[in-house]
mmCIF file of all heavy atoms, coordinates in Angstrom:
data_MODEL
# 
_entry.id   MODEL 
# 
loop_
_atom_site.group_PDB 
_atom_site.id 
_atom_site.type_symbol 
_atom_site.label_atom_id 
_atom_site.label_alt_id 
_atom_site.label_comp_id 
_atom_site.label_asym_id 
_atom_site.label_entity_id 
_atom_site.label_seq_id 
_atom_site.pdbx_PDB_ins_code 
_atom_site.Cartn_x 
_atom_site.Cartn_y 
_atom_site.Cartn_z 
_atom_site.occupancy 
_atom_site.B_iso_or_equiv 
_atom_site.pdbx_formal_charge 
_atom_site.auth_seq_id 
_atom_site.auth_comp_id 
_atom_site.auth_asym_id 
_atom_site.auth_atom_id 
_atom_site.pdbx_PDB_model_num 
ATOM 1   N N   . HIS A 1 1  ? -14.660 -20.383 9.147  1.00 0.00 ? 1  HIS A N   1 
ATOM 2   C CA  . HIS A 1 1  ? -13.773 -20.845 8.071  1.00 0.00 ? 1  HIS A CA  1 
ATOM 3   C C   . HIS A 1 1  ? -12.783 -19.741 7.772  1.00 0.00 ? 1  HIS A C   1 
ATOM 4   O O   . HIS A 1 1  ? -13.046 -18.569 7.835  1.00 0.00 ? 1  HIS A O   1 
ATOM 5   C CB  . HIS A 1 1  ? -14.531 -21.260 6.829  1.00 0.00 ? 1  HIS A CB  1 
ATOM 6   C CG  . HIS A 1 1  ? -15.354 -22.474 6.932  1.00 0.00 ? 1  HIS A CG  1 
ATOM 7   N ND1 . HIS A 1 1  ? -16.581 -22.473 7.391  1.00 0.00 ? 1  HIS A ND1 1 
ATOM 8   C CD2 . HIS A 1 1  ? -15.016 -23.834 6.751  1.00 0.00 ? 1  HIS A CD2 1 
ATOM 9   C CE1 . HIS A 1 1  ? -17.112 -23.754 7.424  1.00 0.00 ? 1  HIS A CE1 1 
ATOM 10  N NE2 . HIS A 1 1  ? -16.140 -24.544 7.030  1.00 0.00 ? 1  HIS A NE2 1 
ATOM 11  N N   . ALA A 1 2  ? -11.582 -20.263 7.423  1.00 0.00 ? 2  ALA A N   1 
ATOM 12  C CA  . ALA A 1 2  ? -10.511 -19.228 7.082  1.00 0.00 ? 2  ALA A CA  1 
ATOM 13  C C   . ALA A 1 2  ? -10.785 -18.454 5.907  1.00 0.00 ? 2  ALA A C   1 
ATOM 14  O O   . ALA A 1 2  ? -11.449 -18.976 4.973  1.00 0.00 ? 2  ALA A O   1 
ATOM 15  C CB  . ALA A 1 2  ? -9.189  -20.057 6.867  1.00 0.00 ? 2  ALA A CB  1 
ATOM 16  N N   . ASP A 1 3  ? -10.387 -17.213 5.891  1.00 0.00 ? 3  ASP A N   1 
ATOM 17  C CA  . ASP A 1 3  ? -10.703 -16.332 4.725  1.00 0.00 ? 3  ASP A CA  1 
ATOM 18  C C   . ASP A 1 3  ? -10.117 -16.897 3.448  1.00 0.00 ? 3  ASP A C   1 
ATOM 19  O O   . ASP A 1 3  ? -10.552 -16.565 2.361  1.00 0.00 ? 3  ASP A O   1 
ATOM 20  C CB  . ASP A 1 3  ? -10.067 -14.920 4.992  1.00 0.00 ? 3  ASP A CB  1 
ATOM 21  C CG  . ASP A 1 3  ? -10.861 -14.147 6.055  1.00 0.00 ? 3  ASP A CG  1 
ATOM 22  O OD1 . ASP A 1 3  ? -12.043 -14.580 6.317  1.00 0.00 ? 3  ASP A OD1 1 
ATOM 23  O OD2 . ASP A 1 3  ? -10.360 -13.157 6.569  1.00 0.00 ? 3  ASP A OD2 1 
ATOM 24  N N   . SER A 1 4  ? -9.049  -17.711 3.501  1.00 0.00 ? 4  SER A N   1 
ATOM 25  C CA  . SER A 1 4  ? -8.342  -18.223 2.335  1.00 0.00 ? 4  SER A CA  1 
ATOM 26  C C   . SER A 1 4  ? -9.297  -19.091 1.472  1.00 0.00 ? 4  SER A C   1 
ATOM 27  O O   . SER A 1 4  ? -9.087  -19.369 0.290  1.00 0.00 ? 4  SER A O   1 
ATOM 28  C CB  . SER A 1 4  ? -7.068  -18.993 2.613  1.00 0.00 ? 4  SER A CB  1 
ATOM 29  O OG  . SER A 1 4  ? -7.493  -20.105 3.478  1.00 0.00 ? 4  SER A OG  1 
ATOM 30  N N   . GLN A 1 5  ? -10.442 -19.565 2.008  1.00 0.00 ? 5  GLN A N   1 
ATOM 31  C CA  . GLN A 1 5  ? -11.405 -20.284 1.204  1.00 0.00 ? 5  GLN A CA  1 
ATOM 32  C C   . GLN A 1 5  ? -12.271 -19.545 0.325  1.00 0.00 ? 5  GLN A C   1 
ATOM 33  O O   . GLN A 1 5  ? -12.955 -20.025 -0.538 1.00 0.00 ? 5  GLN A O   1 
ATOM 34  C CB  . GLN A 1 5  ? -12.339 -21.071 2.235  1.00 0.00 ? 5  GLN A CB  1 
ATOM 35  C CG  . GLN A 1 5  ? -11.564 -22.261 3.007  1.00 0.00 ? 5  GLN A CG  1 
ATOM 36  C CD  . GLN A 1 5  ? -12.614 -22.994 3.789  1.00 0.00 ? 5  GLN A CD  1 
ATOM 37  O OE1 . GLN A 1 5  ? -12.667 -22.869 4.974  1.00 0.00 ? 5  GLN A OE1 1 
ATOM 38  N NE2 . GLN A 1 5  ? -13.373 -23.884 3.111  1.00 0.00 ? 5  GLN A NE2 1 
ATOM 39  N N   . TYR A 1 6  ? -12.284 -18.232 0.490  1.00 0.00 ? 6  TYR A N   1 
ATOM 40  C CA  . TYR A 1 6  ? -13.178 -17.318 -0.186 1.00 0.00 ? 6  TYR A CA  1 
ATOM 41  C C   . TYR A 1 6  ? -12.479 -16.219 -0.862 1.00 0.00 ? 6  TYR A C   1 
ATOM 42  O O   . TYR A 1 6  ? -11.381 -15.816 -0.466 1.00 0.00 ? 6  TYR A O   1 
ATOM 43  C CB  . TYR A 1 6  ? -14.264 -16.714 0.760  1.00 0.00 ? 6  TYR A CB  1 
ATOM 44  C CG  . TYR A 1 6  ? -14.942 -17.857 1.650  1.00 0.00 ? 6  TYR A CG  1 
ATOM 45  C CD1 . TYR A 1 6  ? -14.640 -18.037 2.899  1.00 0.00 ? 6  TYR A CD1 1 
ATOM 46  C CD2 . TYR A 1 6  ? -15.954 -18.601 1.099  1.00 0.00 ? 6  TYR A CD2 1 
ATOM 47  C CE1 . TYR A 1 6  ? -15.218 -19.001 3.729  1.00 0.00 ? 6  TYR A CE1 1 
ATOM 48  C CE2 . TYR A 1 6  ? -16.584 -19.580 1.837  1.00 0.00 ? 6  TYR A CE2 1 
ATOM 49  C CZ  . TYR A 1 6  ? -16.251 -19.767 3.135  1.00 0.00 ? 6  TYR A CZ  1 
ATOM 50  O OH  . TYR A 1 6  ? -16.880 -20.736 3.813  1.00 0.00 ? 6  TYR A OH  1 
ATOM 51  N N   . VAL A 1 7  ? -13.066 -15.660 -1.909 1.00 0.00 ? 7  VAL A N   1 
ATOM 52  C CA  . VAL A 1 7  ? -12.480 -14.553 -2.620 1.00 0.00 ? 7  VAL A CA  1 
ATOM 53  C C   . VAL A 1 7  ? -12.640 -13.262 -1.888 1.00 0.00 ? 7  VAL A C   1 
ATOM 54  O O   . VAL A 1 7  ? -11.969 -12.229 -2.139 1.00 0.00 ? 7  VAL A O   1 
ATOM 55  C CB  . VAL A 1 7  ? -13.024 -14.417 -4.024 1.00 0.00 ? 7  VAL A CB  1 
ATOM 56  C CG1 . VAL A 1 7  ? -12.744 -15.673 -4.885 1.00 0.00 ? 7  VAL A CG1 1 
ATOM 57  C CG2 . VAL A 1 7  ? -14.548 -14.161 -3.985 1.00 0.00 ? 7  VAL A CG2 1 
ATOM 58  N N   . PHE A 1 8  ? -13.554 -13.175 -0.901 1.00 0.00 ? 8  PHE A N   1 
ATOM 59  C CA  . PHE A 1 8  ? -13.637 -12.002 -0.004 1.00 0.00 ? 8  PHE A CA  1 
ATOM 60  C C   . PHE A 1 8  ? -14.253 -12.539 1.301  1.00 0.00 ? 8  PHE A C   1 
ATOM 61  O O   . PHE A 1 8  ? -14.664 -13.702 1.428  1.00 0.00 ? 8  PHE A O   1 
ATOM 62  C CB  . PHE A 1 8  ? -14.544 -10.863 -0.593 1.00 0.00 ? 8  PHE A CB  1 
ATOM 63  C CG  . PHE A 1 8  ? -15.836 -11.338 -1.170 1.00 0.00 ? 8  PHE A CG  1 
ATOM 64  C CD1 . PHE A 1 8  ? -16.957 -11.478 -0.293 1.00 0.00 ? 8  PHE A CD1 1 
ATOM 65  C CD2 . PHE A 1 8  ? -16.035 -11.577 -2.476 1.00 0.00 ? 8  PHE A CD2 1 
ATOM 66  C CE1 . PHE A 1 8  ? -18.148 -11.930 -0.791 1.00 0.00 ? 8  PHE A CE1 1 
ATOM 67  C CE2 . PHE A 1 8  ? -17.232 -11.917 -2.990 1.00 0.00 ? 8  PHE A CE2 1 
ATOM 68  C CZ  . PHE A 1 8  ? -18.329 -12.131 -2.176 1.00 0.00 ? 8  PHE A CZ  1 
ATOM 69  N N   . SER A 1 9  ? -14.303 -11.707 2.296  1.00 0.00 ? 9  SER A N   1 
ATOM 70  C CA  . SER A 1 9  ? -14.826 -12.096 3.611  1.00 0.00 ? 9  SER A CA  1 
ATOM 71  C C   . SER A 1 9  ? -16.265 -12.502 3.484  1.00 0.00 ? 9  SER A C   1 
ATOM 72  O O   . SER A 1 9  ? -17.075 -11.959 2.769  1.00 0.00 ? 9  SER A O   1 
ATOM 73  C CB  . SER A 1 9  ? -14.724 -10.903 4.597  1.00 0.00 ? 9  SER A CB  1 
ATOM 74  O OG  . SER A 1 9  ? -13.387 -10.552 4.788  1.00 0.00 ? 9  SER A OG  1 
ATOM 75  N N   . VAL A 1 10 ? -16.557 -13.571 4.309  1.00 0.00 ? 10 VAL A N   1 
ATOM 76  C CA  . VAL A 1 10 ? -17.916 -14.157 4.196  1.00 0.00 ? 10 VAL A CA  1 
ATOM 77  C C   . VAL A 1 10 ? -18.918 -13.141 4.764  1.00 0.00 ? 10 VAL A C   1 
ATOM 78  O O   . VAL A 1 10 ? -18.736 -12.637 5.921  1.00 0.00 ? 10 VAL A O   1 
ATOM 79  C CB  . VAL A 1 10 ? -17.945 -15.498 5.028  1.00 0.00 ? 10 VAL A CB  1 
ATOM 80  C CG1 . VAL A 1 10 ? -19.385 -16.109 5.040  1.00 0.00 ? 10 VAL A CG1 1 
ATOM 81  C CG2 . VAL A 1 10 ? -16.964 -16.479 4.418  1.00 0.00 ? 10 VAL A CG2 1 
ATOM 82  N N   . PRO A 1 11 ? -19.994 -12.826 4.015  1.00 0.00 ? 11 PRO A N   1 
ATOM 83  C CA  . PRO A 1 11 ? -20.951 -11.938 4.554  1.00 0.00 ? 11 PRO A CA  1 
ATOM 84  C C   . PRO A 1 11 ? -21.535 -12.372 5.904  1.00 0.00 ? 11 PRO A C   1 
ATOM 85  O O   . PRO A 1 11 ? -21.691 -13.652 6.111  1.00 0.00 ? 11 PRO A O   1 
ATOM 86  C CB  . PRO A 1 11 ? -22.078 -11.905 3.521  1.00 0.00 ? 11 PRO A CB  1 
ATOM 87  C CG  . PRO A 1 11 ? -21.373 -12.369 2.256  1.00 0.00 ? 11 PRO A CG  1 
ATOM 88  C CD  . PRO A 1 11 ? -20.359 -13.324 2.704  1.00 0.00 ? 11 PRO A CD  1 
ATOM 89  N N   . ALA A 1 12 ? -21.921 -11.479 6.819  1.00 0.00 ? 12 ALA A N   1 
ATOM 90  C CA  . ALA A 1 12 ? -22.416 -11.806 8.052  1.00 0.00 ? 12 ALA A CA  1 
ATOM 91  C C   . ALA A 1 12 ? -23.890 -12.395 7.934  1.00 0.00 ? 12 ALA A C   1 
ATOM 92  O O   . ALA A 1 12 ? -24.569 -12.112 6.885  1.00 0.00 ? 12 ALA A O   1 
ATOM 93  C CB  . ALA A 1 12 ? -22.519 -10.595 8.944  1.00 0.00 ? 12 ALA A CB  1 
ATOM 94  N N   . LEU A 1 13 ? -24.307 -13.185 8.841  1.00 0.00 ? 13 LEU A N   1 
ATOM 95  C CA  . LEU A 1 13 ? -25.537 -13.790 8.866  1.00 0.00 ? 13 LEU A CA  1 
ATOM 96  C C   . LEU A 1 13 ? -26.619 -12.924 9.610  1.00 0.00 ? 13 LEU A C   1 
ATOM 97  O O   . LEU A 1 13 ? -26.269 -12.456 10.693 1.00 0.00 ? 13 LEU A O   1 
ATOM 98  C CB  . LEU A 1 13 ? -25.550 -15.186 9.482  1.00 0.00 ? 13 LEU A CB  1 
ATOM 99  C CG  . LEU A 1 13 ? -26.872 -15.946 9.668  1.00 0.00 ? 13 LEU A CG  1 
ATOM 100 C CD1 . LEU A 1 13 ? -27.457 -16.343 8.305  1.00 0.00 ? 13 LEU A CD1 1 
ATOM 101 C CD2 . LEU A 1 13 ? -26.651 -17.163 10.495 1.00 0.00 ? 13 LEU A CD2 1 
ATOM 102 N N   . THR A 1 14 ? -27.748 -12.609 9.002  1.00 0.00 ? 14 THR A N   1 
ATOM 103 C CA  . THR A 1 14 ? -28.751 -11.847 9.692  1.00 0.00 ? 14 THR A CA  1 
ATOM 104 C C   . THR A 1 14 ? -29.500 -12.774 10.643 1.00 0.00 ? 14 THR A C   1 
ATOM 105 O O   . THR A 1 14 ? -29.969 -13.778 10.234 1.00 0.00 ? 14 THR A O   1 
ATOM 106 C CB  . THR A 1 14 ? -29.714 -11.238 8.687  1.00 0.00 ? 14 THR A CB  1 
ATOM 107 O OG1 . THR A 1 14 ? -28.974 -10.325 7.825  1.00 0.00 ? 14 THR A OG1 1 
ATOM 108 C CG2 . THR A 1 14 ? -30.825 -10.424 9.354  1.00 0.00 ? 14 THR A CG2 1 
ATOM 109 N N   . THR A 1 15 ? -29.746 -12.302 11.868 1.00 0.00 ? 15 THR A N   1 
ATOM 110 C CA  . THR A 1 15 ? -30.475 -13.097 12.855 1.00 0.00 ? 15 THR A CA  1 
ATOM 111 C C   . THR A 1 15 ? -31.469 -12.086 13.592 1.00 0.00 ? 15 THR A C   1 
ATOM 112 O O   . THR A 1 15 ? -31.259 -10.897 13.705 1.00 0.00 ? 15 THR A O   1 
ATOM 113 C CB  . THR A 1 15 ? -29.521 -13.725 13.939 1.00 0.00 ? 15 THR A CB  1 
ATOM 114 O OG1 . THR A 1 15 ? -28.880 -12.679 14.622 1.00 0.00 ? 15 THR A OG1 1 
ATOM 115 C CG2 . THR A 1 15 ? -28.486 -14.604 13.236 1.00 0.00 ? 15 THR A CG2 1 
ATOM 116 N N   . VAL A 1 16 ? -32.450 -12.760 14.125 1.00 0.00 ? 16 VAL A N   1 
ATOM 117 C CA  . VAL A 1 16 ? -33.548 -12.049 14.956 1.00 0.00 ? 16 VAL A CA  1 
ATOM 118 C C   . VAL A 1 16 ? -33.533 -12.719 16.316 1.00 0.00 ? 16 VAL A C   1 
ATOM 119 O O   . VAL A 1 16 ? -33.594 -13.993 16.383 1.00 0.00 ? 16 VAL A O   1 
ATOM 120 C CB  . VAL A 1 16 ? -34.867 -12.066 14.273 1.00 0.00 ? 16 VAL A CB  1 
ATOM 121 C CG1 . VAL A 1 16 ? -35.905 -11.384 15.163 1.00 0.00 ? 16 VAL A CG1 1 
ATOM 122 C CG2 . VAL A 1 16 ? -34.820 -11.396 12.916 1.00 0.00 ? 16 VAL A CG2 1 
ATOM 123 N N   . PRO A 1 17 ? -33.535 -12.006 17.378 1.00 0.00 ? 17 PRO A N   1 
ATOM 124 C CA  . PRO A 1 17 ? -33.658 -12.654 18.750 1.00 0.00 ? 17 PRO A CA  1 
ATOM 125 C C   . PRO A 1 17 ? -34.996 -13.382 18.904 1.00 0.00 ? 17 PRO A C   1 
ATOM 126 O O   . PRO A 1 17 ? -35.991 -13.065 18.263 1.00 0.00 ? 17 PRO A O   1 
ATOM 127 C CB  . PRO A 1 17 ? -33.613 -11.440 19.708 1.00 0.00 ? 17 PRO A CB  1 
ATOM 128 C CG  . PRO A 1 17 ? -33.068 -10.265 18.931 1.00 0.00 ? 17 PRO A CG  1 
ATOM 129 C CD  . PRO A 1 17 ? -33.477 -10.545 17.483 1.00 0.00 ? 17 PRO A CD  1 
ATOM 130 N N   . VAL A 1 18 ? -34.969 -14.430 19.702 1.00 0.00 ? 18 VAL A N   1 
ATOM 131 C CA  . VAL A 1 18 ? -36.164 -15.194 20.101 1.00 0.00 ? 18 VAL A CA  1 
ATOM 132 C C   . VAL A 1 18 ? -36.484 -14.738 21.525 1.00 0.00 ? 18 VAL A C   1 
ATOM 133 O O   . VAL A 1 18 ? -35.656 -14.856 22.457 1.00 0.00 ? 18 VAL A O   1 
ATOM 134 C CB  . VAL A 1 18 ? -35.896 -16.726 19.963 1.00 0.00 ? 18 VAL A CB  1 
ATOM 135 C CG1 . VAL A 1 18 ? -37.107 -17.435 20.570 1.00 0.00 ? 18 VAL A CG1 1 
ATOM 136 C CG2 . VAL A 1 18 ? -35.578 -17.040 18.613 1.00 0.00 ? 18 VAL A CG2 1 
ATOM 137 N N   . GLU A 1 19 ? -37.681 -14.267 21.753 1.00 0.00 ? 19 GLU A N   1 
ATOM 138 C CA  . GLU A 1 19 ? -38.099 -13.712 22.992 1.00 0.00 ? 19 GLU A CA  1 
ATOM 139 C C   . GLU A 1 19 ? -38.015 -14.846 24.094 1.00 0.00 ? 19 GLU A C   1 
ATOM 140 O O   . GLU A 1 19 ? -38.478 -15.926 23.858 1.00 0.00 ? 19 GLU A O   1 
ATOM 141 C CB  . GLU A 1 19 ? -39.505 -13.129 22.986 1.00 0.00 ? 19 GLU A CB  1 
ATOM 142 C CG  . GLU A 1 19 ? -40.000 -12.418 24.184 1.00 0.00 ? 19 GLU A CG  1 
ATOM 143 C CD  . GLU A 1 19 ? -41.229 -11.696 24.030 1.00 0.00 ? 19 GLU A CD  1 
ATOM 144 O OE1 . GLU A 1 19 ? -41.245 -10.738 23.282 1.00 0.00 ? 19 GLU A OE1 1 
ATOM 145 O OE2 . GLU A 1 19 ? -42.228 -12.094 24.667 1.00 0.00 ? 19 GLU A OE2 1 
ATOM 146 N N   . GLY A 1 20 ? -37.468 -14.459 25.253 1.00 0.00 ? 20 GLY A N   1 
ATOM 147 C CA  . GLY A 1 20 ? -37.369 -15.438 26.348 1.00 0.00 ? 20 GLY A CA  1 
ATOM 148 C C   . GLY A 1 20 ? -36.251 -16.471 26.154 1.00 0.00 ? 20 GLY A C   1 
ATOM 149 O O   . GLY A 1 20 ? -36.199 -17.500 26.871 1.00 0.00 ? 20 GLY A O   1 
ATOM 150 N N   . SER A 1 21 ? -35.334 -16.242 25.207 1.00 0.00 ? 21 SER A N   1 
ATOM 151 C CA  . SER A 1 21 ? -34.364 -17.259 24.991 1.00 0.00 ? 21 SER A CA  1 
ATOM 152 C C   . SER A 1 21 ? -32.999 -16.536 24.575 1.00 0.00 ? 21 SER A C   1 
ATOM 153 O O   . SER A 1 21 ? -33.034 -15.390 24.146 1.00 0.00 ? 21 SER A O   1 
ATOM 154 C CB  . SER A 1 21 ? -34.761 -18.162 23.814 1.00 0.00 ? 21 SER A CB  1 
ATOM 155 O OG  . SER A 1 21 ? -33.686 -18.985 23.388 1.00 0.00 ? 21 SER A OG  1 
ATOM 156 N N   . ASP A 1 22 ? -31.919 -17.231 24.765 1.00 0.00 ? 22 ASP A N   1 
ATOM 157 C CA  . ASP A 1 22 ? -30.658 -16.706 24.253 1.00 0.00 ? 22 ASP A CA  1 
ATOM 158 C C   . ASP A 1 22 ? -30.346 -17.252 22.834 1.00 0.00 ? 22 ASP A C   1 
ATOM 159 O O   . ASP A 1 22 ? -29.294 -16.936 22.235 1.00 0.00 ? 22 ASP A O   1 
ATOM 160 C CB  . ASP A 1 22 ? -29.481 -17.041 25.162 1.00 0.00 ? 22 ASP A CB  1 
ATOM 161 C CG  . ASP A 1 22 ? -29.282 -18.565 25.326 1.00 0.00 ? 22 ASP A CG  1 
ATOM 162 O OD1 . ASP A 1 22 ? -30.130 -19.367 24.794 1.00 0.00 ? 22 ASP A OD1 1 
ATOM 163 O OD2 . ASP A 1 22 ? -28.343 -18.958 26.116 1.00 0.00 ? 22 ASP A OD2 1 
ATOM 164 N N   . LYS A 1 23 ? -31.273 -18.005 22.244 1.00 0.00 ? 23 LYS A N   1 
ATOM 165 C CA  . LYS A 1 23 ? -31.157 -18.429 20.867 1.00 0.00 ? 23 LYS A CA  1 
ATOM 166 C C   . LYS A 1 23 ? -31.455 -17.320 19.892 1.00 0.00 ? 23 LYS A C   1 
ATOM 167 O O   . LYS A 1 23 ? -32.283 -16.420 20.140 1.00 0.00 ? 23 LYS A O   1 
ATOM 168 C CB  . LYS A 1 23 ? -32.067 -19.698 20.728 1.00 0.00 ? 23 LYS A CB  1 
ATOM 169 C CG  . LYS A 1 23 ? -31.840 -20.806 21.574 1.00 0.00 ? 23 LYS A CG  1 
ATOM 170 C CD  . LYS A 1 23 ? -30.467 -21.498 21.326 1.00 0.00 ? 23 LYS A CD  1 
ATOM 171 C CE  . LYS A 1 23 ? -30.328 -22.790 22.077 1.00 0.00 ? 23 LYS A CE  1 
ATOM 172 N NZ  . LYS A 1 23 ? -29.018 -23.408 21.822 1.00 0.00 ? 23 LYS A NZ  1 
ATOM 173 N N   . LEU A 1 24 ? -30.935 -17.396 18.689 1.00 0.00 ? 24 LEU A N   1 
ATOM 174 C CA  . LEU A 1 24 ? -31.217 -16.483 17.583 1.00 0.00 ? 24 LEU A CA  1 
ATOM 175 C C   . LEU A 1 24 ? -31.800 -17.239 16.456 1.00 0.00 ? 24 LEU A C   1 
ATOM 176 O O   . LEU A 1 24 ? -31.543 -18.408 16.178 1.00 0.00 ? 24 LEU A O   1 
ATOM 177 C CB  . LEU A 1 24 ? -29.872 -15.817 17.155 1.00 0.00 ? 24 LEU A CB  1 
ATOM 178 C CG  . LEU A 1 24 ? -29.159 -15.034 18.191 1.00 0.00 ? 24 LEU A CG  1 
ATOM 179 C CD1 . LEU A 1 24 ? -27.786 -14.630 17.620 1.00 0.00 ? 24 LEU A CD1 1 
ATOM 180 C CD2 . LEU A 1 24 ? -29.925 -13.769 18.532 1.00 0.00 ? 24 LEU A CD2 1 
ATOM 181 N N   . PHE A 1 25 ? -32.726 -16.541 15.679 1.00 0.00 ? 25 PHE A N   1 
ATOM 182 C CA  . PHE A 1 25 ? -33.411 -17.064 14.560 1.00 0.00 ? 25 PHE A CA  1 
ATOM 183 C C   . PHE A 1 25 ? -32.649 -16.623 13.327 1.00 0.00 ? 25 PHE A C   1 
ATOM 184 O O   . PHE A 1 25 ? -32.668 -15.402 13.001 1.00 0.00 ? 25 PHE A O   1 
ATOM 185 C CB  . PHE A 1 25 ? -34.929 -16.559 14.551 1.00 0.00 ? 25 PHE A CB  1 
ATOM 186 C CG  . PHE A 1 25 ? -35.697 -17.132 13.420 1.00 0.00 ? 25 PHE A CG  1 
ATOM 187 C CD1 . PHE A 1 25 ? -36.472 -18.277 13.561 1.00 0.00 ? 25 PHE A CD1 1 
ATOM 188 C CD2 . PHE A 1 25 ? -35.767 -16.432 12.186 1.00 0.00 ? 25 PHE A CD2 1 
ATOM 189 C CE1 . PHE A 1 25 ? -37.340 -18.692 12.532 1.00 0.00 ? 25 PHE A CE1 1 
ATOM 190 C CE2 . PHE A 1 25 ? -36.523 -16.958 11.137 1.00 0.00 ? 25 PHE A CE2 1 
ATOM 191 C CZ  . PHE A 1 25 ? -37.264 -18.065 11.312 1.00 0.00 ? 25 PHE A CZ  1 
ATOM 192 N N   . PRO A 1 26 ? -31.979 -17.478 12.578 1.00 0.00 ? 26 PRO A N   1 
ATOM 193 C CA  . PRO A 1 26 ? -31.290 -17.106 11.396 1.00 0.00 ? 26 PRO A CA  1 
ATOM 194 C C   . PRO A 1 26 ? -32.317 -16.832 10.219 1.00 0.00 ? 26 PRO A C   1 
ATOM 195 O O   . PRO A 1 26 ? -33.073 -17.673 9.943  1.00 0.00 ? 26 PRO A O   1 
ATOM 196 C CB  . PRO A 1 26 ? -30.321 -18.238 11.124 1.00 0.00 ? 26 PRO A CB  1 
ATOM 197 C CG  . PRO A 1 26 ? -31.047 -19.390 11.696 1.00 0.00 ? 26 PRO A CG  1 
ATOM 198 C CD  . PRO A 1 26 ? -31.812 -18.949 12.844 1.00 0.00 ? 26 PRO A CD  1 
# 
């Protein structure tokens, strides 16, 4: 989403890798 929707930049999402996959666990 564009920064104009928020009063400051949206915080990053923390993720953890899933073993044997390219998917991430949020």
